């Protein structure tokens, strides 16, 4: 299974039925009519499947509530406006990449026999709040360590959601060859946190999981680095974004290219271009899709 398979993960809440007062005519906005709603949310479900934790996915009951509140709420003239309202509230309530919303009215007054009339919209979240992480482990159950770190990051606050996870690679250690090989991957995260607060969160996860303090080039249970934070550039002594060595590390660029090949480094190069330009690097081999 490739990373693109996870990009096609979907949550589907279908054929929700409600009564509402919407339409162009005065009669439609004064008498309740039957409406239906379908919602398809495109969101990486890998972490939820691994953790079996509701906080790592989208709560279907909340999706139903959002659709119900819009349909049973203030009147709109157009189905298009209803669909946009549902889309907006879903994006405000959850972290995901894209959504398909279908809204229809049963037996609309169109002057003839019509079972239903409806609209479908396909909406995408703006990319400004995407954060890309690099995770690595070479102590203990390396794969489990990576998934546990991702779960801890996502479960720490409702303002953080892991939206994509790359394949996992086994990589030759850099700087100190006298240690076990690492497992590495990259993850895309949607967050409302500031870079400083999000950095504190990743450090807290490292502190919780690492038995010994992190020492450069030494083995560790988990290493979490912020690679990119939208298009921001930060260098304040405590935090450097983009990560200063990411352009030199195949174990960073290869998994990052798997999920964000077209993402732009602030220097103007895409991640795919940076990976293609990297010719002399440590050995990186696929471990698990």
C-alpha atoms as a PDB file:
ATOM      1  CA  UNK A   1       0.000   0.000   0.000  1.00  0.00           C
ATOM      2  CA  UNK A   2       1.450   3.360  -1.024  1.00  0.00           C
ATOM      3  CA  UNK A   3       1.071   6.767   0.593  1.00  0.00           C
ATOM      4  CA  UNK A   4      -1.396   7.699  -2.148  1.00  0.00           C
ATOM      5  CA  UNK A   5      -3.693   4.939  -0.858  1.00  0.00           C
ATOM      6  CA  UNK A   6      -3.889   6.736   2.495  1.00  0.00           C
ATOM      7  CA  UNK A   7      -4.633   9.975   0.613  1.00  0.00           C
ATOM      8  CA  UNK A   8      -7.766   8.231  -0.676  1.00  0.00           C
ATOM      9  CA  UNK A   9      -9.015   7.283   2.818  1.00  0.00           C
ATOM     10  CA  UNK A  10     -12.564   8.546   3.266  1.00  0.00           C
ATOM     11  CA  UNK A  11     -15.154   8.934   5.969  1.00  0.00           C
ATOM     12  CA  UNK A  12     -18.661   8.657   4.518  1.00  0.00           C
ATOM     13  CA  UNK A  13     -21.865   9.695   6.272  1.00  0.00           C
ATOM     14  CA  UNK A  14     -24.609   9.117   3.745  1.00  0.00           C
ATOM     15  CA  UNK A  15     -28.318   9.749   3.241  1.00  0.00           C
ATOM     16  CA  UNK A  16     -28.869  11.889   6.315  1.00  0.00           C
ATOM     17  CA  UNK A  17     -32.512  13.061   6.339  1.00  0.00           C
ATOM     18  CA  UNK A  18     -33.841  16.277   7.880  1.00  0.00           C
ATOM     19  CA  UNK A  19     -36.703  18.751   7.612  1.00  0.00           C
ATOM     20  CA  UNK A  20     -36.058  22.402   6.880  1.00  0.00           C
ATOM     21  CA  UNK A  21     -37.530  25.590   5.451  1.00  0.00           C
ATOM     22  CA  UNK A  22     -35.358  26.537   2.484  1.00  0.00           C
ATOM     23  CA  UNK A  23     -36.133  27.714  -1.017  1.00  0.00           C
ATOM     24  CA  UNK A  24     -36.661  30.632  -3.333  1.00  0.00           C
ATOM     25  CA  UNK A  25     -40.382  31.056  -2.741  1.00  0.00           C
ATOM     26  CA  UNK A  26     -42.063  32.387   0.392  1.00  0.00           C
ATOM     27  CA  UNK A  27     -43.998  29.148   0.719  1.00  0.00           C
ATOM     28  CA  UNK A  28     -40.822  27.055   0.742  1.00  0.00           C
ATOM     29  CA  UNK A  29     -39.348  29.194   3.519  1.00  0.00           C
ATOM     30  CA  UNK A  30     -42.490  28.915   5.669  1.00  0.00           C
ATOM     31  CA  UNK A  31     -43.274  25.196   5.392  1.00  0.00           C
ATOM     32  CA  UNK A  32     -40.971  22.334   6.371  1.00  0.00           C
ATOM     33  CA  UNK A  33     -39.752  20.116   3.516  1.00  0.00           C
ATOM     34  CA  UNK A  34     -37.584  17.055   3.324  1.00  0.00           C
ATOM     35  CA  UNK A  35     -33.841  17.423   2.681  1.00  0.00           C
ATOM     36  CA  UNK A  36     -31.006  14.952   2.388  1.00  0.00           C
ATOM     37  CA  UNK A  37     -27.254  15.308   2.939  1.00  0.00           C
ATOM     38  CA  UNK A  38     -24.243  13.156   2.074  1.00  0.00           C
ATOM     39  CA  UNK A  39     -20.772  13.956   3.417  1.00  0.00           C
ATOM     40  CA  UNK A  40     -17.498  12.442   2.222  1.00  0.00           C
ATOM     41  CA  UNK A  41     -14.384  13.558   4.112  1.00  0.00           C
ATOM     42  CA  UNK A  42     -10.947  12.802   2.712  1.00  0.00           C
ATOM     43  CA  UNK A  43      -8.646  12.276   5.691  1.00  0.00           C
ATOM     44  CA  UNK A  44      -5.733   9.993   6.517  1.00  0.00           C
ATOM     45  CA  UNK A  45      -7.141   7.220   8.729  1.00  0.00           C
ATOM     46  CA  UNK A  46      -3.882   5.394   9.394  1.00  0.00           C
ATOM     47  CA  UNK A  47      -3.379   6.721  12.920  1.00  0.00           C
ATOM     48  CA  UNK A  48      -6.994   6.040  13.918  1.00  0.00           C
ATOM     49  CA  UNK A  49      -6.732   2.508  12.570  1.00  0.00           C
ATOM     50  CA  UNK A  50      -3.589   1.926  14.577  1.00  0.00           C
ATOM     51  CA  UNK A  51      -4.694   3.587  17.833  1.00  0.00           C
ATOM     52  CA  UNK A  52      -8.428   2.722  17.799  1.00  0.00           C
ATOM     53  CA  UNK A  53      -8.963   6.160  19.357  1.00  0.00           C
ATOM     54  CA  UNK A  54     -11.946   8.345  18.442  1.00  0.00           C
ATOM     55  CA  UNK A  55      -9.816  11.459  18.990  1.00  0.00           C
ATOM     56  CA  UNK A  56      -7.676  10.393  16.018  1.00  0.00           C
ATOM     57  CA  UNK A  57     -10.517  10.555  13.520  1.00  0.00           C
ATOM     58  CA  UNK A  58     -13.736  12.453  12.740  1.00  0.00           C
ATOM     59  CA  UNK A  59     -16.710  11.818  15.007  1.00  0.00           C
ATOM     60  CA  UNK A  60     -19.572  10.747  12.712  1.00  0.00           C
ATOM     61  CA  UNK A  61     -22.153  11.959  15.243  1.00  0.00           C
ATOM     62  CA  UNK A  62     -20.694  15.475  15.084  1.00  0.00           C
ATOM     63  CA  UNK A  63     -20.864  15.393  11.286  1.00  0.00           C
ATOM     64  CA  UNK A  64     -24.552  14.497  11.568  1.00  0.00           C
ATOM     65  CA  UNK A  65     -25.101  17.306  14.086  1.00  0.00           C
ATOM     66  CA  UNK A  66     -23.484  19.883  11.803  1.00  0.00           C
ATOM     67  CA  UNK A  67     -25.667  18.871   8.853  1.00  0.00           C
ATOM     68  CA  UNK A  68     -28.785  18.854  11.063  1.00  0.00           C
ATOM     69  CA  UNK A  69     -28.049  22.291  12.521  1.00  0.00           C
ATOM     70  CA  UNK A  70     -27.700  23.815   9.057  1.00  0.00           C
ATOM     71  CA  UNK A  71     -30.792  22.166   7.586  1.00  0.00           C
ATOM     72  CA  UNK A  72     -32.971  22.862  10.635  1.00  0.00           C
ATOM     73  CA  UNK A  73     -31.539  26.356  11.148  1.00  0.00           C
ATOM     74  CA  UNK A  74     -32.001  29.681   9.388  1.00  0.00           C
ATOM     75  CA  UNK A  75     -33.619  29.563   5.936  1.00  0.00           C
ATOM     76  CA  UNK A  76     -31.517  29.742   2.776  1.00  0.00           C
ATOM     77  CA  UNK A  77     -32.799  30.315  -0.724  1.00  0.00           C
ATOM     78  CA  UNK A  78     -30.325  28.015  -2.461  1.00  0.00           C
ATOM     79  CA  UNK A  79     -29.093  24.475  -1.926  1.00  0.00           C
ATOM     80  CA  UNK A  80     -25.689  25.815  -2.920  1.00  0.00           C
ATOM     81  CA  UNK A  81     -25.673  28.061   0.163  1.00  0.00           C
ATOM     82  CA  UNK A  82     -26.679  25.149   2.408  1.00  0.00           C
ATOM     83  CA  UNK A  83     -23.844  23.007   1.045  1.00  0.00           C
ATOM     84  CA  UNK A  84     -21.317  25.818   1.569  1.00  0.00           C
ATOM     85  CA  UNK A  85     -22.460  26.288   5.162  1.00  0.00           C
ATOM     86  CA  UNK A  86     -22.067  22.596   5.925  1.00  0.00           C
ATOM     87  CA  UNK A  87     -18.628  22.587   4.295  1.00  0.00           C
ATOM     88  CA  UNK A  88     -17.480  25.657   6.242  1.00  0.00           C
ATOM     89  CA  UNK A  89     -18.604  24.249   9.588  1.00  0.00           C
ATOM     90  CA  UNK A  90     -16.967  20.888   8.901  1.00  0.00           C
ATOM     91  CA  UNK A  91     -13.643  22.572   8.110  1.00  0.00           C
ATOM     92  CA  UNK A  92     -13.959  24.659  11.278  1.00  0.00           C
ATOM     93  CA  UNK A  93     -14.693  21.595  13.398  1.00  0.00           C
ATOM     94  CA  UNK A  94     -12.233  19.046  12.068  1.00  0.00           C
ATOM     95  CA  UNK A  95      -8.829  18.753  10.399  1.00  0.00           C
ATOM     96  CA  UNK A  96      -8.986  17.133   6.975  1.00  0.00           C
ATOM     97  CA  UNK A  97      -7.888  17.859   3.437  1.00  0.00           C
ATOM     98  CA  UNK A  98     -11.026  17.889   1.349  1.00  0.00           C
ATOM     99  CA  UNK A  99     -14.747  17.180   1.461  1.00  0.00           C
ATOM    100  CA  UNK A 100     -17.541  16.362  -0.946  1.00  0.00           C
ATOM    101  CA  UNK A 101     -20.964  17.593   0.157  1.00  0.00           C
ATOM    102  CA  UNK A 102     -24.234  16.634  -1.505  1.00  0.00           C
ATOM    103  CA  UNK A 103     -27.504  18.325  -0.554  1.00  0.00           C
ATOM    104  CA  UNK A 104     -30.889  17.631  -2.100  1.00  0.00           C
ATOM    105  CA  UNK A 105     -34.541  18.542  -1.620  1.00  0.00           C
ATOM    106  CA  UNK A 106     -37.232  15.909  -1.946  1.00  0.00           C
ATOM    107  CA  UNK A 107     -40.093  16.604  -4.394  1.00  0.00           C
ATOM    108  CA  UNK A 108     -39.113  20.221  -5.140  1.00  0.00           C
ATOM    109  CA  UNK A 109     -41.844  22.508  -6.538  1.00  0.00           C
ATOM    110  CA  UNK A 110     -40.569  22.702 -10.103  1.00  0.00           C
ATOM    111  CA  UNK A 111     -43.889  22.548 -11.911  1.00  0.00           C
ATOM    112  CA  UNK A 112     -43.786  18.818 -12.610  1.00  0.00           C
ATOM    113  CA  UNK A 113     -43.117  15.394 -11.122  1.00  0.00           C
ATOM    114  CA  UNK A 114     -39.538  15.506  -9.763  1.00  0.00           C
ATOM    115  CA  UNK A 115     -38.245  13.105  -7.120  1.00  0.00           C
ATOM    116  CA  UNK A 116     -35.474  15.398  -5.945  1.00  0.00           C
ATOM    117  CA  UNK A 117     -33.125  18.200  -6.970  1.00  0.00           C
ATOM    118  CA  UNK A 118     -29.671  18.608  -5.508  1.00  0.00           C
ATOM    119  CA  UNK A 119     -26.137  19.971  -5.680  1.00  0.00           C
ATOM    120  CA  UNK A 120     -22.676  18.569  -5.042  1.00  0.00           C
ATOM    121  CA  UNK A 121     -19.654  20.642  -4.048  1.00  0.00           C
ATOM    122  CA  UNK A 122     -16.017  19.591  -3.658  1.00  0.00           C
ATOM    123  CA  UNK A 123     -13.989  21.790  -1.322  1.00  0.00           C
ATOM    124  CA  UNK A 124     -10.338  21.832  -0.212  1.00  0.00           C
ATOM    125  CA  UNK A 125      -8.691  23.217   2.905  1.00  0.00           C
ATOM    126  CA  UNK A 126      -6.173  26.028   2.322  1.00  0.00           C
ATOM    127  CA  UNK A 127      -2.600  24.809   2.710  1.00  0.00           C
ATOM    128  CA  UNK A 128      -1.323  27.639   4.956  1.00  0.00           C
ATOM    129  CA  UNK A 129      -1.551  25.730   8.243  1.00  0.00           C
ATOM    130  CA  UNK A 130       0.222  22.533   7.152  1.00  0.00           C
ATOM    131  CA  UNK A 131       3.193  21.429   9.191  1.00  0.00           C
ATOM    132  CA  UNK A 132       5.587  18.680   8.122  1.00  0.00           C
ATOM    133  CA  UNK A 133       7.397  16.540  10.676  1.00  0.00           C
ATOM    134  CA  UNK A 134      10.244  14.054  10.506  1.00  0.00           C
ATOM    135  CA  UNK A 135      10.147  11.178  12.997  1.00  0.00           C
ATOM    136  CA  UNK A 136      12.874   8.629  13.703  1.00  0.00           C
ATOM    137  CA  UNK A 137      13.597   5.799  16.131  1.00  0.00           C
ATOM    138  CA  UNK A 138      16.389   3.232  16.566  1.00  0.00           C
ATOM    139  CA  UNK A 139      15.699   1.883  20.067  1.00  0.00           C
ATOM    140  CA  UNK A 140      13.158  -0.792  21.031  1.00  0.00           C
ATOM    141  CA  UNK A 141      10.110  -1.369  18.829  1.00  0.00           C
ATOM    142  CA  UNK A 142      10.971   1.328  16.324  1.00  0.00           C
ATOM    143  CA  UNK A 143       7.747   1.211  14.330  1.00  0.00           C
ATOM    144  CA  UNK A 144       5.584   1.242  17.456  1.00  0.00           C
ATOM    145  CA  UNK A 145       7.587   4.207  18.783  1.00  0.00           C
ATOM    146  CA  UNK A 146       6.792   6.218  15.655  1.00  0.00           C
ATOM    147  CA  UNK A 147       3.082   5.467  15.799  1.00  0.00           C
ATOM    148  CA  UNK A 148       2.946   6.174  19.526  1.00  0.00           C
ATOM    149  CA  UNK A 149       4.621   9.556  19.017  1.00  0.00           C
ATOM    150  CA  UNK A 150       2.124  10.475  16.294  1.00  0.00           C
ATOM    151  CA  UNK A 151      -0.766   9.453  18.531  1.00  0.00           C
ATOM    152  CA  UNK A 152       0.603  11.495  21.452  1.00  0.00           C
ATOM    153  CA  UNK A 153       1.012  14.536  19.217  1.00  0.00           C
ATOM    154  CA  UNK A 154      -2.522  14.261  17.882  1.00  0.00           C
ATOM    155  CA  UNK A 155      -4.161  13.413  21.207  1.00  0.00           C
ATOM    156  CA  UNK A 156      -2.496  16.279  23.079  1.00  0.00           C
ATOM    157  CA  UNK A 157      -4.994  18.895  21.876  1.00  0.00           C
ATOM    158  CA  UNK A 158      -7.986  19.188  19.529  1.00  0.00           C
ATOM    159  CA  UNK A 159      -5.972  21.828  17.662  1.00  0.00           C
ATOM    160  CA  UNK A 160      -3.588  19.227  16.187  1.00  0.00           C
ATOM    161  CA  UNK A 161      -4.478  16.538  13.662  1.00  0.00           C
ATOM    162  CA  UNK A 162      -2.204  14.195  11.707  1.00  0.00           C
ATOM    163  CA  UNK A 163      -3.507  14.234   8.126  1.00  0.00           C
ATOM    164  CA  UNK A 164      -0.900  12.194   6.224  1.00  0.00           C
ATOM    165  CA  UNK A 165       1.816   9.707   7.140  1.00  0.00           C
ATOM    166  CA  UNK A 166       4.515   8.612   4.703  1.00  0.00           C
ATOM    167  CA  UNK A 167       5.818   5.091   4.182  1.00  0.00           C
ATOM    168  CA  UNK A 168       8.445   4.117   6.758  1.00  0.00           C
ATOM    169  CA  UNK A 169      12.079   3.815   5.688  1.00  0.00           C
ATOM    170  CA  UNK A 170      15.017   2.065   7.326  1.00  0.00           C
ATOM    171  CA  UNK A 171      17.998   4.358   7.208  1.00  0.00           C
ATOM    172  CA  UNK A 172      21.696   4.281   7.870  1.00  0.00           C
ATOM    173  CA  UNK A 173      22.607   6.341  10.977  1.00  0.00           C
ATOM    174  CA  UNK A 174      24.209   9.704  10.305  1.00  0.00           C
ATOM    175  CA  UNK A 175      27.112  11.076  12.361  1.00  0.00           C
ATOM    176  CA  UNK A 176      27.657   7.944  14.458  1.00  0.00           C
ATOM    177  CA  UNK A 177      27.739   4.615  12.580  1.00  0.00           C
ATOM    178  CA  UNK A 178      28.149   2.612  15.826  1.00  0.00           C
ATOM    179  CA  UNK A 179      24.437   2.287  16.519  1.00  0.00           C
ATOM    180  CA  UNK A 180      21.370   0.568  15.092  1.00  0.00           C
ATOM    181  CA  UNK A 181      19.694   1.674  11.911  1.00  0.00           C
ATOM    182  CA  UNK A 182      16.780   4.053  12.231  1.00  0.00           C
ATOM    183  CA  UNK A 183      13.213   3.823  11.083  1.00  0.00           C
ATOM    184  CA  UNK A 184      12.129   7.180   9.686  1.00  0.00           C
ATOM    185  CA  UNK A 185       8.970   8.667   8.271  1.00  0.00           C
ATOM    186  CA  UNK A 186       7.376  12.050   7.709  1.00  0.00           C
ATOM    187  CA  UNK A 187       3.920  13.263   8.650  1.00  0.00           C
ATOM    188  CA  UNK A 188       1.703  16.128   7.615  1.00  0.00           C
ATOM    189  CA  UNK A 189      -0.129  17.866  10.459  1.00  0.00           C
ATOM    190  CA  UNK A 190      -2.891  20.458  10.515  1.00  0.00           C
ATOM    191  CA  UNK A 191      -2.654  22.716  13.552  1.00  0.00           C
ATOM    192  CA  UNK A 192      -3.952  25.984  14.927  1.00  0.00           C
ATOM    193  CA  UNK A 193      -1.030  26.221  17.350  1.00  0.00           C
ATOM    194  CA  UNK A 194       1.735  28.745  16.921  1.00  0.00           C
ATOM    195  CA  UNK A 195       5.144  27.383  15.886  1.00  0.00           C
ATOM    196  CA  UNK A 196       6.536  27.969  19.392  1.00  0.00           C
ATOM    197  CA  UNK A 197       3.679  26.155  21.139  1.00  0.00           C
ATOM    198  CA  UNK A 198       3.717  23.320  18.630  1.00  0.00           C
ATOM    199  CA  UNK A 199       7.477  22.972  19.138  1.00  0.00           C
ATOM    200  CA  UNK A 200       6.908  22.718  22.889  1.00  0.00           C
ATOM    201  CA  UNK A 201       4.409  19.936  22.213  1.00  0.00           C
ATOM    202  CA  UNK A 202       6.859  17.911  20.108  1.00  0.00           C
ATOM    203  CA  UNK A 203       9.559  18.389  22.751  1.00  0.00           C
ATOM    204  CA  UNK A 204       7.168  17.175  25.452  1.00  0.00           C
ATOM    205  CA  UNK A 205       6.473  14.023  23.417  1.00  0.00           C
ATOM    206  CA  UNK A 206      10.206  13.410  23.052  1.00  0.00           C
ATOM    207  CA  UNK A 207      10.753  13.936  26.777  1.00  0.00           C
ATOM    208  CA  UNK A 208       7.936  11.509  27.625  1.00  0.00           C
ATOM    209  CA  UNK A 209       9.200   8.749  25.352  1.00  0.00           C
ATOM    210  CA  UNK A 210      12.973   9.037  25.627  1.00  0.00           C
ATOM    211  CA  UNK A 211      14.347   7.346  28.723  1.00  0.00           C
ATOM    212  CA  UNK A 212      17.659   9.190  28.420  1.00  0.00           C
ATOM    213  CA  UNK A 213      18.113  12.841  27.410  1.00  0.00           C
ATOM    214  CA  UNK A 214      18.646  13.347  23.682  1.00  0.00           C
ATOM    215  CA  UNK A 215      22.305  13.614  22.687  1.00  0.00           C
ATOM    216  CA  UNK A 216      23.291  14.459  19.132  1.00  0.00           C
ATOM    217  CA  UNK A 217      24.183  11.413  16.986  1.00  0.00           C
ATOM    218  CA  UNK A 218      23.198   9.011  19.764  1.00  0.00           C
ATOM    219  CA  UNK A 219      20.455   6.321  19.788  1.00  0.00           C
ATOM    220  CA  UNK A 220      16.995   7.453  20.790  1.00  0.00           C
ATOM    221  CA  UNK A 221      13.535   6.039  21.283  1.00  0.00           C
ATOM    222  CA  UNK A 222      12.041   8.901  19.271  1.00  0.00           C
ATOM    223  CA  UNK A 223      13.200  11.999  17.472  1.00  0.00           C
ATOM    224  CA  UNK A 224      10.631  14.528  16.238  1.00  0.00           C
ATOM    225  CA  UNK A 225      11.737  17.454  14.083  1.00  0.00           C
ATOM    226  CA  UNK A 226       9.640  20.215  12.555  1.00  0.00           C
ATOM    227  CA  UNK A 227      10.678  20.491   8.909  1.00  0.00           C
ATOM    228  CA  UNK A 228       8.259  23.054   7.460  1.00  0.00           C
ATOM    229  CA  UNK A 229       5.560  25.200   9.027  1.00  0.00           C
ATOM    230  CA  UNK A 230       3.550  26.547   6.118  1.00  0.00           C
ATOM    231  CA  UNK A 231       5.721  29.096   4.312  1.00  0.00           C
ATOM    232  CA  UNK A 232       7.201  30.505   7.515  1.00  0.00           C
ATOM    233  CA  UNK A 233      10.883  31.086   8.161  1.00  0.00           C
ATOM    234  CA  UNK A 234      11.894  31.152  11.847  1.00  0.00           C
ATOM    235  CA  UNK A 235      15.325  31.366  13.468  1.00  0.00           C
ATOM    236  CA  UNK A 236      15.156  32.604  17.035  1.00  0.00           C
ATOM    237  CA  UNK A 237      17.753  30.494  18.822  1.00  0.00           C
ATOM    238  CA  UNK A 238      15.207  27.973  20.128  1.00  0.00           C
ATOM    239  CA  UNK A 239      13.598  27.002  16.860  1.00  0.00           C
ATOM    240  CA  UNK A 240      14.777  26.952  13.260  1.00  0.00           C
ATOM    241  CA  UNK A 241      12.227  26.465  10.461  1.00  0.00           C
ATOM    242  CA  UNK A 242      12.761  25.173   7.827  1.00  0.00           C
ATOM    243  CA  UNK A 243      14.948  22.554   9.489  1.00  0.00           C
ATOM    244  CA  UNK A 244      18.478  23.619   8.697  1.00  0.00           C
ATOM    245  CA  UNK A 245      19.726  20.198   7.546  1.00  0.00           C
ATOM    246  CA  UNK A 246      16.658  18.852   5.748  1.00  0.00           C
ATOM    247  CA  UNK A 247      18.097  19.537   2.289  1.00  0.00           C
ATOM    248  CA  UNK A 248      21.072  17.259   3.104  1.00  0.00           C
ATOM    249  CA  UNK A 249      19.149  14.284   4.487  1.00  0.00           C
ATOM    250  CA  UNK A 250      17.709  11.582   2.253  1.00  0.00           C
ATOM    251  CA  UNK A 251      15.980  10.020   5.268  1.00  0.00           C
ATOM    252  CA  UNK A 252      14.013  13.293   5.507  1.00  0.00           C
ATOM    253  CA  UNK A 253      13.488  14.170   1.851  1.00  0.00           C
ATOM    254  CA  UNK A 254      12.508  10.704   0.601  1.00  0.00           C
ATOM    255  CA  UNK A 255       9.508  10.164   2.907  1.00  0.00           C
ATOM    256  CA  UNK A 256       8.593  13.844   2.687  1.00  0.00           C
ATOM    257  CA  UNK A 257       8.548  13.631  -1.112  1.00  0.00           C
ATOM    258  CA  UNK A 258       6.188  10.657  -0.841  1.00  0.00           C
ATOM    259  CA  UNK A 259       3.474  12.811   0.748  1.00  0.00           C
ATOM    260  CA  UNK A 260       4.406  16.360  -0.307  1.00  0.00           C
ATOM    261  CA  UNK A 261       6.494  16.264  -3.460  1.00  0.00           C
ATOM    262  CA  UNK A 262       5.055  19.585  -4.664  1.00  0.00           C
ATOM    263  CA  UNK A 263       5.339  21.369  -1.313  1.00  0.00           C
ATOM    264  CA  UNK A 264       7.622  24.365  -1.500  1.00  0.00           C
ATOM    265  CA  UNK A 265      10.646  25.072   0.649  1.00  0.00           C
ATOM    266  CA  UNK A 266      10.943  28.809   1.372  1.00  0.00           C
ATOM    267  CA  UNK A 267      13.993  28.803  -0.947  1.00  0.00           C
ATOM    268  CA  UNK A 268      11.549  28.213  -3.827  1.00  0.00           C
ATOM    269  CA  UNK A 269      12.446  24.586  -4.556  1.00  0.00           C
ATOM    270  CA  UNK A 270       9.869  21.828  -4.293  1.00  0.00           C
ATOM    271  CA  UNK A 271      10.571  18.842  -2.056  1.00  0.00           C
ATOM    272  CA  UNK A 272      10.666  16.618  -5.131  1.00  0.00           C
ATOM    273  CA  UNK A 273      13.281  18.856  -6.741  1.00  0.00           C
ATOM    274  CA  UNK A 274      15.361  18.859  -3.562  1.00  0.00           C
ATOM    275  CA  UNK A 275      15.269  15.062  -3.403  1.00  0.00           C
ATOM    276  CA  UNK A 276      16.285  14.758  -7.058  1.00  0.00           C
ATOM    277  CA  UNK A 277      19.217  17.097  -6.462  1.00  0.00           C
ATOM    278  CA  UNK A 278      20.527  14.997  -3.549  1.00  0.00           C
ATOM    279  CA  UNK A 279      23.132  12.656  -5.050  1.00  0.00           C
ATOM    280  CA  UNK A 280      25.499  11.721  -2.202  1.00  0.00           C
ATOM    281  CA  UNK A 281      23.597  10.534   0.849  1.00  0.00           C
ATOM    282  CA  UNK A 282      23.136   7.851   3.475  1.00  0.00           C
ATOM    283  CA  UNK A 283      21.454   4.573   2.538  1.00  0.00           C
ATOM    284  CA  UNK A 284      17.678   4.681   2.729  1.00  0.00           C
ATOM    285  CA  UNK A 285      15.574   1.598   2.057  1.00  0.00           C
ATOM    286  CA  UNK A 286      11.844   1.069   2.174  1.00  0.00           C
ATOM    287  CA  UNK A 287      10.678  -0.676   5.349  1.00  0.00           C
ATOM    288  CA  UNK A 288       6.864  -0.469   5.217  1.00  0.00           C
ATOM    289  CA  UNK A 289       4.247   1.234   3.095  1.00  0.00           C
END
